[in-house]
Amino acid sequence: MRVSYKKLWKLLIDKDMSKADLRKAVEMSPNTMTKMRKNEEVAMSVLLKIATYLDCDISDMCEFVKDDDKNE
């Protein structure tokens, strides 16, 4: 399983907001934003800050998806 932030990127588009705008608004480090762009795990506290700022639920921003790697 891996995390996907596609929902967050779509939400930002709907709110006419850039990733840089979000990073500055929630005072997120550039390294954390890079992790999110690469669909890597970030601290729950970061997700809570973003959810609070965007007035949404964590499930509106990210989801866990199954890896497509199947050894046959």
Protein backbone atom coordinates (compact mmCIF):
# COMPACT_ATOMS: atom_id res chain seq x y z
CA MET A 1 0.00 0.00 0.00
CA ARG A 2 1.08 3.54 -0.64
CA VAL A 3 -0.34 6.99 -0.06
CA SER A 4 -1.69 9.18 -2.86
CA TYR A 5 -2.29 12.92 -2.64
CA LYS A 6 -4.18 13.22 -5.95
CA LYS A 7 -7.28 14.33 -4.11
CA LEU A 8 -5.35 17.21 -2.54
CA TRP A 9 -3.97 18.38 -5.89
CA LYS A 10 -7.49 18.33 -7.37
CA LEU A 11 -8.82 20.21 -4.35
CA LEU A 12 -6.18 22.90 -4.84
CA ILE A 13 -7.19 23.25 -8.49
CA ASP A 14 -10.84 23.64 -7.44
CA LYS A 15 -9.81 26.36 -4.97
CA ASP A 16 -7.59 28.04 -7.59
CA MET A 17 -4.58 27.63 -5.33
CA SER A 18 -1.03 26.57 -6.16
CA LYS A 19 1.07 24.09 -4.22
CA ALA A 20 3.42 26.95 -3.33
CA ASP A 21 0.49 28.98 -1.96
CA LEU A 22 -0.54 26.06 0.24
CA ARG A 23 3.01 25.48 1.45
CA LYS A 24 3.34 29.11 2.51
CA ALA A 25 -0.13 29.28 4.05
CA VAL A 26 0.43 26.32 6.38
CA GLU A 27 4.14 27.07 6.89
CA MET A 28 5.19 23.71 5.50
CA SER A 29 8.84 23.01 4.77
CA PRO A 30 9.89 22.60 1.14
CA ASN A 31 11.09 19.08 1.98
CA THR A 32 7.64 18.08 3.20
CA MET A 33 6.04 19.40 0.02
CA THR A 34 8.56 17.41 -2.01
CA LYS A 35 7.58 14.27 -0.10
CA MET A 36 3.93 14.92 -0.88
CA ARG A 37 4.68 15.46 -4.57
CA LYS A 38 6.40 12.06 -4.56
CA ASN A 39 3.43 10.46 -2.75
CA GLU A 40 5.53 9.73 0.31
CA GLU A 41 4.27 9.66 3.88
CA VAL A 42 4.26 12.91 5.87
CA ALA A 43 3.50 13.64 9.52
CA MET A 44 -0.11 13.58 10.64
CA SER A 45 0.37 17.06 12.10
CA VAL A 46 1.06 18.38 8.58
CA LEU A 47 -2.09 16.76 7.22
CA LEU A 48 -4.10 18.24 10.09
CA LYS A 49 -2.75 21.73 9.38
CA ILE A 50 -3.69 21.41 5.72
CA ALA A 51 -7.15 20.02 6.53
CA THR A 52 -7.78 22.87 8.96
CA TYR A 53 -6.63 25.49 6.48
CA LEU A 54 -8.69 24.04 3.61
CA ASP A 55 -11.64 23.26 5.91
CA CYS A 56 -11.82 19.64 4.81
CA ASP A 57 -11.27 16.13 6.10
CA ILE A 58 -8.04 14.18 5.68
CA SER A 59 -9.91 11.72 3.48
CA ASP A 60 -10.64 14.63 1.11
CA MET A 61 -6.89 15.07 0.58
CA CYS A 62 -5.27 11.66 0.52
CA GLU A 63 -5.96 7.96 0.27
CA PHE A 64 -4.16 4.66 0.45
CA VAL A 65 -3.90 2.74 -2.79
CA LYS A 66 -2.74 -0.79 -3.41
CA ASP A 67 0.53 -1.29 -5.21
CA ASP A 68 0.10 -2.62 -8.73
CA ASP A 69 3.15 -4.86 -8.43
CA LYS A 70 2.00 -8.44 -8.65
CA ASN A 71 4.55 -11.20 -8.89
CA GLU A 72 3.11 -13.75 -11.24
